[in-house]
Amino acid sequence: MRGISSICTLPQYQALLRQRARRVREVPSGATSVIAKMREAWKEVAAYGIAAPQVGDSLRTFIYRPYEDEDAEPLAIINPKIIRAEGELKDYDGCLSVPGIYGPTRRAAKIEVIGWDESGQRRRWRFEGFTARIIQHEIDHLEGVLFIDRIDDLAEMYTLAPVEVDGEREWQKVPLTESEREFILNHRRPLPPFALSW
């Protein structure tokens, strides 16, 4: 799969993307350089979040922007832990590390997370809706879990192709080709017991 040069993708970085990330020992100084690296990658990509393993550092931190605020600067969470999850939403998912492929996943509708912010303050956050999905997706990265592991049915997965409608460019869902389907089958795995599930 071809991806953006600053982002680790399958299959080349499978070992890194599939391991559980290490806890940041010195907060926030132990995460400063990787947060800067994620922010640098952010400038190149269209993303809601980037986790440290995606830029080559197996540390428990990620950056994100709230879904509702397209102009927000990305915020960092260090050593996050989901302490409460409720409800369920099934919505689209995709990943810079599995570029160009999408599909719906089930995730909690609301979550509560504890961790540290970039200034080193211990914090508790509450997220809901699509922002909660973003946070869960990034925390999955820290557990070595990819969104393809959470797909119920591979027939629901797709790529996007540009089409012209009334002189405007739009994106149309296209079912996976046989080789794309084979790629997903070869690289997905069962959810580990420590991954969030219900």
N, C-alpha and C. Protein backbone atom coordinates (compact mmCIF):
# COMPACT_ATOMS: atom_id res chain seq x y z
N MET A 1 0.85 -1.18 0.00
CA MET A 1 0.00 0.00 0.00
C MET A 1 0.88 1.24 0.00
N ARG A 2 0.53 2.22 -0.79
CA ARG A 2 1.28 3.46 -0.82
C ARG A 2 0.67 4.45 0.15
N GLY A 3 1.51 5.10 0.93
CA GLY A 3 1.02 6.08 1.88
C GLY A 3 1.84 7.35 1.77
N ILE A 4 1.65 8.22 2.74
CA ILE A 4 2.41 9.46 2.80
C ILE A 4 3.74 9.16 3.45
N SER A 5 4.82 9.73 2.95
CA SER A 5 6.17 9.33 3.35
C SER A 5 6.42 9.42 4.85
N SER A 6 5.78 10.37 5.54
CA SER A 6 6.05 10.52 6.97
C SER A 6 5.20 9.59 7.84
N ILE A 7 4.29 8.83 7.24
CA ILE A 7 3.39 7.95 7.99
C ILE A 7 3.77 6.49 7.74
N CYS A 8 3.87 5.71 8.82
CA CYS A 8 4.16 4.28 8.72
C CYS A 8 2.91 3.53 8.27
N THR A 9 3.04 2.75 7.21
CA THR A 9 1.89 2.04 6.64
C THR A 9 2.14 0.54 6.59
N LEU A 10 1.05 -0.21 6.44
CA LEU A 10 1.14 -1.64 6.15
C LEU A 10 1.54 -1.80 4.69
N PRO A 11 2.26 -2.84 4.31
CA PRO A 11 2.77 -3.90 5.18
C PRO A 11 4.17 -3.61 5.73
N GLN A 12 4.82 -2.58 5.23
CA GLN A 12 6.22 -2.33 5.59
C GLN A 12 6.44 -2.19 7.10
N TYR A 13 5.51 -1.53 7.78
CA TYR A 13 5.69 -1.26 9.20
C TYR A 13 4.75 -2.09 10.07
N GLN A 14 4.40 -3.27 9.59
CA GLN A 14 3.46 -4.11 10.33
C GLN A 14 3.93 -4.37 11.75
N ALA A 15 5.19 -4.73 11.95
CA ALA A 15 5.69 -5.07 13.29
C ALA A 15 5.51 -3.89 14.25
N LEU A 16 5.85 -2.70 13.82
CA LEU A 16 5.71 -1.51 14.66
C LEU A 16 4.24 -1.20 14.94
N LEU A 17 3.41 -1.24 13.90
CA LEU A 17 2.00 -0.88 14.06
C LEU A 17 1.22 -1.90 14.89
N ARG A 18 1.74 -3.11 14.99
CA ARG A 18 1.02 -4.17 15.70
C ARG A 18 1.50 -4.40 17.13
N GLN A 19 2.47 -3.63 17.61
CA GLN A 19 2.90 -3.82 18.99
C GLN A 19 2.24 -2.81 19.92
N ARG A 20 2.13 -3.16 21.19
CA ARG A 20 1.59 -2.22 22.18
C ARG A 20 2.65 -1.17 22.46
N ALA A 21 2.26 0.08 22.42
CA ALA A 21 3.21 1.18 22.63
C ALA A 21 3.62 1.26 24.10
N ARG A 22 4.82 1.76 24.32
CA ARG A 22 5.36 1.92 25.68
C ARG A 22 4.81 3.17 26.35
N ARG A 23 4.63 3.08 27.63
CA ARG A 23 4.18 4.23 28.43
C ARG A 23 5.25 5.31 28.42
N VAL A 24 4.86 6.55 28.35
CA VAL A 24 5.80 7.68 28.46
C VAL A 24 6.18 7.81 29.93
N ARG A 25 7.46 7.66 30.24
CA ARG A 25 7.91 7.66 31.64
C ARG A 25 7.99 9.07 32.22
N GLU A 26 8.60 9.98 31.49
CA GLU A 26 8.75 11.35 31.96
C GLU A 26 7.73 12.22 31.23
N VAL A 27 6.69 12.62 31.95
CA VAL A 27 5.62 13.43 31.34
C VAL A 27 5.80 14.88 31.77
N PRO A 28 5.82 15.83 30.82
CA PRO A 28 5.61 15.67 29.38
C PRO A 28 6.89 15.54 28.58
N SER A 29 8.07 15.70 29.22
CA SER A 29 9.33 15.80 28.45
C SER A 29 9.59 14.57 27.59
N GLY A 30 9.16 13.40 28.04
CA GLY A 30 9.39 12.18 27.28
C GLY A 30 8.58 12.09 26.00
N ALA A 31 7.61 12.98 25.85
CA ALA A 31 6.76 12.95 24.65
C ALA A 31 6.97 14.15 23.75
N THR A 32 7.78 15.11 24.18
CA THR A 32 7.92 16.37 23.45
C THR A 32 8.34 16.17 22.00
N SER A 33 9.39 15.37 21.77
CA SER A 33 9.91 15.23 20.41
C SER A 33 8.93 14.48 19.51
N VAL A 34 8.25 13.45 20.04
CA VAL A 34 7.31 12.70 19.20
C VAL A 34 6.06 13.54 18.91
N ILE A 35 5.65 14.37 19.84
CA ILE A 35 4.50 15.26 19.57
C ILE A 35 4.87 16.24 18.45
N ALA A 36 6.10 16.75 18.49
CA ALA A 36 6.55 17.65 17.42
C ALA A 36 6.57 16.91 16.08
N LYS A 37 6.99 15.66 16.10
CA LYS A 37 7.05 14.84 14.88
C LYS A 37 5.63 14.60 14.32
N MET A 38 4.69 14.32 15.21
CA MET A 38 3.30 14.11 14.76
C MET A 38 2.73 15.40 14.19
N ARG A 39 3.04 16.53 14.81
CA ARG A 39 2.54 17.81 14.30
C ARG A 39 3.15 18.14 12.93
N GLU A 40 4.39 17.75 12.74
CA GLU A 40 5.03 17.96 11.44
C GLU A 40 4.32 17.12 10.37
N ALA A 41 4.03 15.86 10.71
CA ALA A 41 3.31 14.98 9.77
C ALA A 41 1.91 15.51 9.50
N TRP A 42 1.30 16.11 10.51
CA TRP A 42 -0.06 16.66 10.41
C TRP A 42 -0.18 17.65 9.25
N LYS A 43 0.90 18.39 9.01
CA LYS A 43 0.88 19.40 7.94
C LYS A 43 0.74 18.77 6.55
N GLU A 44 1.11 17.50 6.43
CA GLU A 44 1.11 16.82 5.14
C GLU A 44 -0.18 16.06 4.85
N VAL A 45 -0.98 15.80 5.88
CA VAL A 45 -2.08 14.85 5.72
C VAL A 45 -3.43 15.48 6.04
N ALA A 46 -4.47 14.82 5.56
CA ALA A 46 -5.84 15.16 5.97
C ALA A 46 -6.22 14.10 7.00
N ALA A 47 -6.24 14.48 8.26
CA ALA A 47 -6.47 13.51 9.32
C ALA A 47 -7.20 14.14 10.49
N TYR A 48 -7.87 13.28 11.26
CA TYR A 48 -8.47 13.72 12.52
C TYR A 48 -7.49 13.47 13.67
N GLY A 49 -6.56 12.55 13.46
CA GLY A 49 -5.60 12.22 14.51
C GLY A 49 -4.41 11.48 13.95
N ILE A 50 -3.33 11.50 14.72
CA ILE A 50 -2.13 10.73 14.40
C ILE A 50 -1.59 10.19 15.71
N ALA A 51 -1.28 8.90 15.74
CA ALA A 51 -0.70 8.28 16.93
C ALA A 51 0.81 8.11 16.73
N ALA A 52 1.54 8.12 17.85
CA ALA A 52 3.00 8.04 17.80
C ALA A 52 3.52 6.86 16.96
N PRO A 53 2.95 5.65 17.07
CA PRO A 53 3.46 4.56 16.23
C PRO A 53 3.40 4.86 14.73
N GLN A 54 2.48 5.71 14.32
CA GLN A 54 2.35 6.03 12.89
C GLN A 54 3.49 6.89 12.38
N VAL A 55 4.24 7.52 13.29
CA VAL A 55 5.42 8.29 12.87
C VAL A 55 6.71 7.61 13.34
N GLY A 56 6.59 6.32 13.72
CA GLY A 56 7.78 5.53 14.01
C GLY A 56 8.20 5.46 15.47
N ASP A 57 7.39 5.99 16.39
CA ASP A 57 7.74 5.97 17.82
C ASP A 57 6.70 5.19 18.60
N SER A 58 7.12 4.10 19.22
CA SER A 58 6.19 3.26 19.96
C SER A 58 5.98 3.81 21.38
N LEU A 59 5.33 4.97 21.45
CA LEU A 59 5.04 5.62 22.74
C LEU A 59 3.54 5.88 22.83
N ARG A 60 3.03 5.88 24.06
CA ARG A 60 1.60 6.02 24.27
C ARG A 60 1.19 7.50 24.27
N THR A 61 1.14 8.05 23.08
CA THR A 61 0.67 9.42 22.91
C THR A 61 0.12 9.61 21.50
N PHE A 62 -0.77 10.57 21.35
CA PHE A 62 -1.33 10.87 20.03
C PHE A 62 -1.77 12.33 20.01
N ILE A 63 -2.04 12.81 18.81
CA ILE A 63 -2.63 14.14 18.64
C ILE A 63 -3.96 13.97 17.91
N TYR A 64 -4.85 14.92 18.12
CA TYR A 64 -6.16 14.86 17.47
C TYR A 64 -6.73 16.27 17.39
N ARG A 65 -7.74 16.42 16.56
CA ARG A 65 -8.54 17.64 16.60
C ARG A 65 -10.00 17.22 16.71
N PRO A 66 -10.79 17.99 17.47
CA PRO A 66 -12.21 17.66 17.58
C PRO A 66 -12.87 17.68 16.20
N TYR A 67 -13.75 16.75 15.97
CA TYR A 67 -14.43 16.62 14.68
C TYR A 67 -15.17 17.90 14.30
N GLU A 68 -15.73 18.57 15.30
CA GLU A 68 -16.57 19.74 15.04
C GLU A 68 -15.77 20.99 14.66
N ASP A 69 -14.46 20.98 14.87
CA ASP A 69 -13.66 22.20 14.67
C ASP A 69 -12.54 21.95 13.67
N GLU A 70 -12.84 22.18 12.39
CA GLU A 70 -11.87 21.90 11.32
C GLU A 70 -10.62 22.76 11.39
N ASP A 71 -10.72 23.91 12.04
CA ASP A 71 -9.59 24.83 12.09
C ASP A 71 -8.75 24.70 13.36
N ALA A 72 -9.14 23.79 14.24
CA ALA A 72 -8.42 23.64 15.52
C ALA A 72 -7.01 23.11 15.30
N GLU A 73 -6.10 23.61 16.12
CA GLU A 73 -4.75 23.04 16.15
C GLU A 73 -4.83 21.69 16.87
N PRO A 74 -4.03 20.71 16.46
CA PRO A 74 -4.12 19.40 17.11
C PRO A 74 -3.67 19.44 18.57
N LEU A 75 -4.42 18.74 19.40
CA LEU A 75 -4.13 18.62 20.82
C LEU A 75 -3.48 17.27 21.10
N ALA A 76 -2.66 17.20 22.13
CA ALA A 76 -1.98 15.94 22.46
C ALA A 76 -2.55 15.35 23.74
N ILE A 77 -2.60 14.03 23.79
CA ILE A 77 -2.91 13.30 25.02
C ILE A 77 -1.80 12.28 25.21
N ILE A 78 -1.25 12.26 26.42
CA ILE A 78 -0.13 11.37 26.76
C ILE A 78 -0.63 10.30 27.73
N ASN A 79 -0.22 9.06 27.50
CA ASN A 79 -0.61 7.91 28.33
C ASN A 79 -2.13 7.85 28.57
N PRO A 80 -2.92 7.89 27.50
CA PRO A 80 -4.37 7.87 27.68
C PRO A 80 -4.90 6.51 28.12
N LYS A 81 -5.99 6.55 28.87
CA LYS A 81 -6.66 5.31 29.27
C LYS A 81 -8.16 5.58 29.28
N ILE A 82 -8.91 4.74 28.59
CA ILE A 82 -10.37 4.85 28.61
C ILE A 82 -10.87 4.22 29.90
N ILE A 83 -11.57 5.00 30.71
CA ILE A 83 -12.07 4.47 31.99
C ILE A 83 -13.58 4.24 31.97
N ARG A 84 -14.26 4.76 30.97
CA ARG A 84 -15.69 4.54 30.85
C ARG A 84 -16.08 4.62 29.38
N ALA A 85 -16.95 3.70 28.97
CA ALA A 85 -17.47 3.72 27.60
C ALA A 85 -18.93 3.34 27.65
N GLU A 86 -19.76 4.05 26.88
CA GLU A 86 -21.17 3.71 26.85
C GLU A 86 -21.76 3.93 25.46
N GLY A 87 -22.83 3.20 25.20
CA GLY A 87 -23.51 3.31 23.92
C GLY A 87 -22.69 2.71 22.79
N GLU A 88 -23.23 2.75 21.61
CA GLU A 88 -22.52 2.24 20.44
C GLU A 88 -22.96 3.00 19.19
N LEU A 89 -21.99 3.33 18.36
CA LEU A 89 -22.26 3.96 17.07
C LEU A 89 -21.47 3.20 16.01
N LYS A 90 -22.11 2.94 14.90
CA LYS A 90 -21.40 2.34 13.76
C LYS A 90 -21.30 3.42 12.70
N ASP A 91 -20.07 3.76 12.32
CA ASP A 91 -19.84 4.85 11.37
C ASP A 91 -18.57 4.53 10.59
N TYR A 92 -18.28 5.39 9.62
CA TYR A 92 -17.14 5.12 8.76
C TYR A 92 -15.82 5.27 9.51
N ASP A 93 -14.82 4.55 9.03
CA ASP A 93 -13.49 4.58 9.62
C ASP A 93 -12.48 4.44 8.49
N GLY A 94 -11.31 4.92 8.72
CA GLY A 94 -10.21 4.82 7.76
C GLY A 94 -8.93 5.13 8.50
N CYS A 95 -7.80 4.93 7.85
CA CYS A 95 -6.53 5.09 8.57
C CYS A 95 -5.42 5.45 7.60
N LEU A 96 -4.59 6.40 8.01
CA LEU A 96 -3.42 6.77 7.21
C LEU A 96 -2.46 5.60 7.03
N SER A 97 -2.48 4.66 7.97
CA SER A 97 -1.59 3.50 7.89
C SER A 97 -2.13 2.39 7.01
N VAL A 98 -3.39 2.51 6.60
CA VAL A 98 -4.01 1.59 5.63
C VAL A 98 -4.65 2.50 4.58
N PRO A 99 -3.82 3.22 3.82
CA PRO A 99 -4.33 4.33 3.00
C PRO A 99 -5.30 3.91 1.90
N GLY A 100 -6.34 4.75 1.75
CA GLY A 100 -7.26 4.58 0.64
C GLY A 100 -8.38 3.58 0.84
N ILE A 101 -8.41 2.91 2.00
CA ILE A 101 -9.44 1.89 2.26
C ILE A 101 -10.26 2.33 3.47
N TYR A 102 -11.58 2.13 3.38
CA TYR A 102 -12.49 2.60 4.43
C TYR A 102 -13.51 1.52 4.73
N GLY A 103 -14.17 1.68 5.87
CA GLY A 103 -15.25 0.77 6.22
C GLY A 103 -15.85 1.17 7.55
N PRO A 104 -17.07 0.72 7.84
CA PRO A 104 -17.72 1.08 9.10
C PRO A 104 -17.24 0.21 10.26
N THR A 105 -17.04 0.83 11.41
CA THR A 105 -16.68 0.11 12.63
C THR A 105 -17.65 0.48 13.74
N ARG A 106 -17.76 -0.42 14.70
CA ARG A 106 -18.56 -0.15 15.89
C ARG A 106 -17.64 0.41 16.97
N ARG A 107 -18.04 1.53 17.54
CA ARG A 107 -17.28 2.12 18.63
C ARG A 107 -18.25 2.69 19.65
N ALA A 108 -17.74 2.94 20.85
CA ALA A 108 -18.57 3.51 21.91
C ALA A 108 -19.03 4.91 21.50
N ALA A 109 -20.26 5.25 21.87
CA ALA A 109 -20.81 6.57 21.55
C ALA A 109 -20.24 7.66 22.46
N LYS A 110 -19.94 7.29 23.71
CA LYS A 110 -19.38 8.23 24.68
C LYS A 110 -18.25 7.54 25.44
N ILE A 111 -17.20 8.27 25.70
CA ILE A 111 -16.09 7.72 26.48
C ILE A 111 -15.57 8.76 27.46
N GLU A 112 -14.93 8.25 28.50
CA GLU A 112 -14.21 9.10 29.45
C GLU A 112 -12.77 8.61 29.48
N VAL A 113 -11.85 9.54 29.38
CA VAL A 113 -10.42 9.21 29.24
C VAL A 113 -9.63 9.96 30.30
N ILE A 114 -8.65 9.27 30.90
CA ILE A 114 -7.70 9.95 31.77
C ILE A 114 -6.33 9.89 31.11
N GLY A 115 -5.48 10.86 31.42
CA GLY A 115 -4.14 10.92 30.87
C GLY A 115 -3.52 12.25 31.23
N TRP A 116 -2.50 12.63 30.48
CA TRP A 116 -1.81 13.90 30.70
C TRP A 116 -1.91 14.75 29.45
N ASP A 117 -2.03 16.04 29.64
CA ASP A 117 -1.98 16.93 28.49
C ASP A 117 -0.53 17.31 28.21
N GLU A 118 -0.33 18.10 27.21
CA GLU A 118 1.03 18.43 26.77
C GLU A 118 1.82 19.25 27.79
N SER A 119 1.11 19.93 28.69
CA SER A 119 1.80 20.72 29.72
C SER A 119 2.16 19.86 30.92
N GLY A 120 1.75 18.58 30.90
CA GLY A 120 2.08 17.69 32.01
C GLY A 120 1.01 17.63 33.08
N GLN A 121 -0.16 18.22 32.81
CA GLN A 121 -1.26 18.19 33.77
C GLN A 121 -2.06 16.90 33.63
N ARG A 122 -2.30 16.24 34.76
CA ARG A 122 -3.17 15.05 34.77
C ARG A 122 -4.59 15.53 34.51
N ARG A 123 -5.28 14.89 33.55
CA ARG A 123 -6.60 15.37 33.17
C ARG A 123 -7.58 14.24 32.94
N ARG A 124 -8.84 14.63 32.92
CA ARG A 124 -9.94 13.72 32.58
C ARG A 124 -10.74 14.39 31.48
N TRP A 125 -10.98 13.67 30.39
CA TRP A 125 -11.74 14.21 29.26
C TRP A 125 -12.99 13.37 29.05
N ARG A 126 -14.03 14.01 28.55
CA ARG A 126 -15.22 13.29 28.12
C ARG A 126 -15.44 13.60 26.64
N PHE A 127 -15.65 12.57 25.86
CA PHE A 127 -15.86 12.73 24.42
C PHE A 127 -17.13 11.99 24.02
N GLU A 128 -17.78 12.50 23.00
CA GLU A 128 -18.94 11.79 22.46
C GLU A 128 -19.01 11.98 20.95
N GLY A 129 -19.88 11.19 20.32
CA GLY A 129 -20.07 11.30 18.87
C GLY A 129 -18.81 10.96 18.09
N PHE A 130 -18.60 11.67 17.00
CA PHE A 130 -17.49 11.32 16.12
C PHE A 130 -16.13 11.62 16.77
N THR A 131 -16.06 12.62 17.64
CA THR A 131 -14.79 12.88 18.33
C THR A 131 -14.43 11.69 19.23
N ALA A 132 -15.43 11.07 19.86
CA ALA A 132 -15.16 9.87 20.66
C ALA A 132 -14.60 8.76 19.79
N ARG A 133 -15.10 8.66 18.54
CA ARG A 133 -14.58 7.65 17.61
C ARG A 133 -13.10 7.93 17.29
N ILE A 134 -12.79 9.20 17.06
CA ILE A 134 -11.41 9.57 16.75
C ILE A 134 -10.48 9.15 17.89
N ILE A 135 -10.86 9.47 19.11
CA ILE A 135 -10.03 9.14 20.27
C ILE A 135 -9.85 7.63 20.39
N GLN A 136 -10.95 6.88 20.22
CA GLN A 136 -10.84 5.41 20.30
C GLN A 136 -9.94 4.86 19.20
N HIS A 137 -10.04 5.40 18.01
CA HIS A 137 -9.18 4.98 16.90
C HIS A 137 -7.71 5.17 17.26
N GLU A 138 -7.39 6.35 17.82
CA GLU A 138 -5.98 6.64 18.16
C GLU A 138 -5.50 5.77 19.32
N ILE A 139 -6.35 5.55 20.31
CA ILE A 139 -5.95 4.67 21.43
C ILE A 139 -5.77 3.25 20.92
N ASP A 140 -6.59 2.82 19.97
CA ASP A 140 -6.37 1.50 19.35
C ASP A 140 -4.95 1.39 18.79
N HIS A 141 -4.48 2.45 18.13
CA HIS A 141 -3.11 2.42 17.59
C HIS A 141 -2.10 2.12 18.69
N LEU A 142 -2.33 2.65 19.88
CA LEU A 142 -1.39 2.45 20.98
C LEU A 142 -1.45 1.02 21.51
N GLU A 143 -2.51 0.30 21.15
CA GLU A 143 -2.66 -1.10 21.55
C GLU A 143 -2.29 -2.06 20.41
N GLY A 144 -1.82 -1.53 19.29
CA GLY A 144 -1.49 -2.38 18.15
C GLY A 144 -2.70 -2.85 17.38
N VAL A 145 -3.82 -2.13 17.55
CA VAL A 145 -5.07 -2.50 16.88
C VAL A 145 -5.31 -1.51 15.74
N LEU A 146 -5.71 -2.04 14.58
CA LEU A 146 -6.05 -1.20 13.43
C LEU A 146 -7.55 -1.31 13.15
N PHE A 147 -8.10 -0.31 12.48
CA PHE A 147 -9.55 -0.29 12.25
C PHE A 147 -10.01 -1.51 11.47
N ILE A 148 -9.14 -2.09 10.64
CA ILE A 148 -9.53 -3.26 9.85
C ILE A 148 -9.86 -4.46 10.74
N ASP A 149 -9.34 -4.46 11.98
CA ASP A 149 -9.64 -5.54 12.92
C ASP A 149 -11.07 -5.44 13.45
N ARG A 150 -11.67 -4.27 13.32
CA ARG A 150 -13.01 -4.03 13.88
C ARG A 150 -14.12 -4.08 12.82
N ILE A 151 -13.77 -4.39 11.58
CA ILE A 151 -14.78 -4.48 10.51
C ILE A 151 -15.60 -5.75 10.69
N ASP A 152 -16.94 -5.60 10.70
CA ASP A 152 -17.83 -6.77 10.86
C ASP A 152 -17.84 -7.64 9.61
N ASP A 153 -17.85 -7.01 8.45
CA ASP A 153 -18.02 -7.73 7.19
C ASP A 153 -17.17 -7.05 6.12
N LEU A 154 -16.25 -7.77 5.52
CA LEU A 154 -15.37 -7.17 4.51
C LEU A 154 -16.16 -6.63 3.32
N ALA A 155 -17.37 -7.11 3.10
CA ALA A 155 -18.20 -6.61 2.00
C ALA A 155 -18.59 -5.15 2.23
N GLU A 156 -18.48 -4.66 3.47
CA GLU A 156 -18.82 -3.27 3.78
C GLU A 156 -17.65 -2.31 3.50
N MET A 157 -16.49 -2.86 3.20
CA MET A 157 -15.31 -2.02 2.98
C MET A 157 -15.30 -1.47 1.56
N TYR A 158 -14.62 -0.35 1.37
CA TYR A 158 -14.63 0.30 0.07
C TYR A 158 -13.43 1.23 -0.09
N THR A 159 -13.21 1.64 -1.34
CA THR A 159 -12.28 2.72 -1.66
C THR A 159 -13.14 3.86 -2.23
N LEU A 160 -12.52 4.98 -2.52
CA LEU A 160 -13.26 6.11 -3.09
C LEU A 160 -12.71 6.45 -4.46
N ALA A 161 -13.60 6.68 -5.40
CA ALA A 161 -13.20 7.06 -6.75
C ALA A 161 -13.87 8.38 -7.11
N PRO A 162 -13.14 9.30 -7.77
CA PRO A 162 -13.75 10.57 -8.15
C PRO A 162 -14.72 10.40 -9.32
N VAL A 163 -15.85 11.07 -9.22
CA VAL A 163 -16.82 11.11 -10.32
C VAL A 163 -17.26 12.56 -10.48
N GLU A 164 -17.69 12.90 -11.70
CA GLU A 164 -18.16 14.26 -11.94
C GLU A 164 -19.69 14.26 -11.98
N VAL A 165 -20.28 15.08 -11.12
CA VAL A 165 -21.74 15.20 -11.05
C VAL A 165 -22.09 16.67 -11.23
N ASP A 166 -22.81 16.98 -12.30
CA ASP A 166 -23.19 18.37 -12.61
C ASP A 166 -21.98 19.30 -12.60
N GLY A 167 -20.90 18.83 -13.20
CA GLY A 167 -19.70 19.65 -13.31
C GLY A 167 -18.89 19.76 -12.03
N GLU A 168 -19.30 19.06 -10.99
CA GLU A 168 -18.57 19.10 -9.70
C GLU A 168 -17.97 17.72 -9.42
N ARG A 169 -16.81 17.74 -8.80
CA ARG A 169 -16.15 16.48 -8.44
C ARG A 169 -16.71 15.98 -7.12
N GLU A 170 -17.15 14.71 -7.13
CA GLU A 170 -17.62 14.05 -5.92
C GLU A 170 -16.92 12.71 -5.80
N TRP A 171 -17.07 12.10 -4.63
CA TRP A 171 -16.42 10.81 -4.39
C TRP A 171 -17.48 9.72 -4.27
N GLN A 172 -17.21 8.64 -4.95
CA GLN A 172 -18.15 7.51 -4.98
C GLN A 172 -17.49 6.31 -4.32
N LYS A 173 -18.28 5.58 -3.52
CA LYS A 173 -17.76 4.36 -2.89
C LYS A 173 -17.63 3.25 -3.94
N VAL A 174 -16.49 2.56 -3.89
CA VAL A 174 -16.24 1.45 -4.81
C VAL A 174 -15.86 0.23 -3.97
N PRO A 175 -16.52 -0.91 -4.17
CA PRO A 175 -16.16 -2.12 -3.41
C PRO A 175 -14.69 -2.48 -3.62
N LEU A 176 -14.13 -3.15 -2.64
CA LEU A 176 -12.72 -3.55 -2.75
C LEU A 176 -12.52 -4.49 -3.93
N THR A 177 -11.36 -4.35 -4.56
CA THR A 177 -10.96 -5.31 -5.59
C THR A 177 -10.55 -6.60 -4.88
N GLU A 178 -10.37 -7.65 -5.66
CA GLU A 178 -9.95 -8.92 -5.08
C GLU A 178 -8.59 -8.78 -4.38
N SER A 179 -7.67 -8.02 -4.98
CA SER A 179 -6.34 -7.88 -4.36
C SER A 179 -6.41 -7.03 -3.09
N GLU A 180 -7.26 -6.01 -3.08
CA GLU A 180 -7.42 -5.20 -1.86
C GLU A 180 -8.05 -6.03 -0.74
N ARG A 181 -9.04 -6.84 -1.11
CA ARG A 181 -9.68 -7.72 -0.13
C ARG A 181 -8.67 -8.72 0.44
N GLU A 182 -7.85 -9.27 -0.44
CA GLU A 182 -6.81 -10.22 -0.02
C GLU A 182 -5.82 -9.54 0.93
N PHE A 183 -5.46 -8.30 0.61
CA PHE A 183 -4.56 -7.53 1.47
C PHE A 183 -5.15 -7.39 2.87
N ILE A 184 -6.42 -7.01 2.97
CA ILE A 184 -7.07 -6.85 4.27
C ILE A 184 -7.11 -8.18 5.01
N LEU A 185 -7.50 -9.24 4.33
CA LEU A 185 -7.56 -10.57 4.96
C LEU A 185 -6.20 -10.98 5.52
N ASN A 186 -5.14 -10.64 4.80
CA ASN A 186 -3.79 -11.03 5.22
C ASN A 186 -3.25 -10.18 6.37
N HIS A 187 -3.85 -9.01 6.60
CA HIS A 187 -3.28 -8.10 7.60
C HIS A 187 -4.19 -7.78 8.78
N ARG A 188 -5.43 -8.26 8.76
CA ARG A 188 -6.27 -8.03 9.94
C ARG A 188 -6.04 -9.16 10.93
N ARG A 189 -6.42 -8.92 12.17
CA ARG A 189 -6.26 -9.96 13.19
C ARG A 189 -7.37 -9.82 14.23
N PRO A 190 -7.60 -10.88 15.02
CA PRO A 190 -8.63 -10.77 16.06
C PRO A 190 -8.26 -9.69 17.08
N LEU A 191 -9.28 -9.07 17.66
CA LEU A 191 -9.01 -8.07 18.69
C LEU A 191 -8.36 -8.73 19.90
N PRO A 192 -7.30 -8.15 20.43
CA PRO A 192 -6.69 -8.71 21.64
C PRO A 192 -7.60 -8.45 22.84
N PRO A 193 -7.45 -9.22 23.92
CA PRO A 193 -8.36 -9.09 25.07
C PRO A 193 -8.29 -7.73 25.76
N PHE A 194 -7.18 -7.00 25.60
CA PHE A 194 -7.05 -5.71 26.28
C PHE A 194 -7.64 -4.55 25.46
N ALA A 195 -8.09 -4.82 24.23
CA ALA A 195 -8.69 -3.77 23.40
C ALA A 195 -10.11 -3.50 23.87
N LEU A 196 -10.53 -2.24 23.76
CA LEU A 196 -11.89 -1.88 24.15
C LEU A 196 -12.90 -2.62 23.30
N SER A 197 -13.82 -3.33 23.96
CA SER A 197 -14.90 -4.00 23.24
C SER A 197 -16.10 -4.09 24.18
N TRP A 198 -17.24 -4.41 23.62
CA TRP A 198 -18.46 -4.54 24.43
C TRP A 198 -19.35 -5.58 23.80
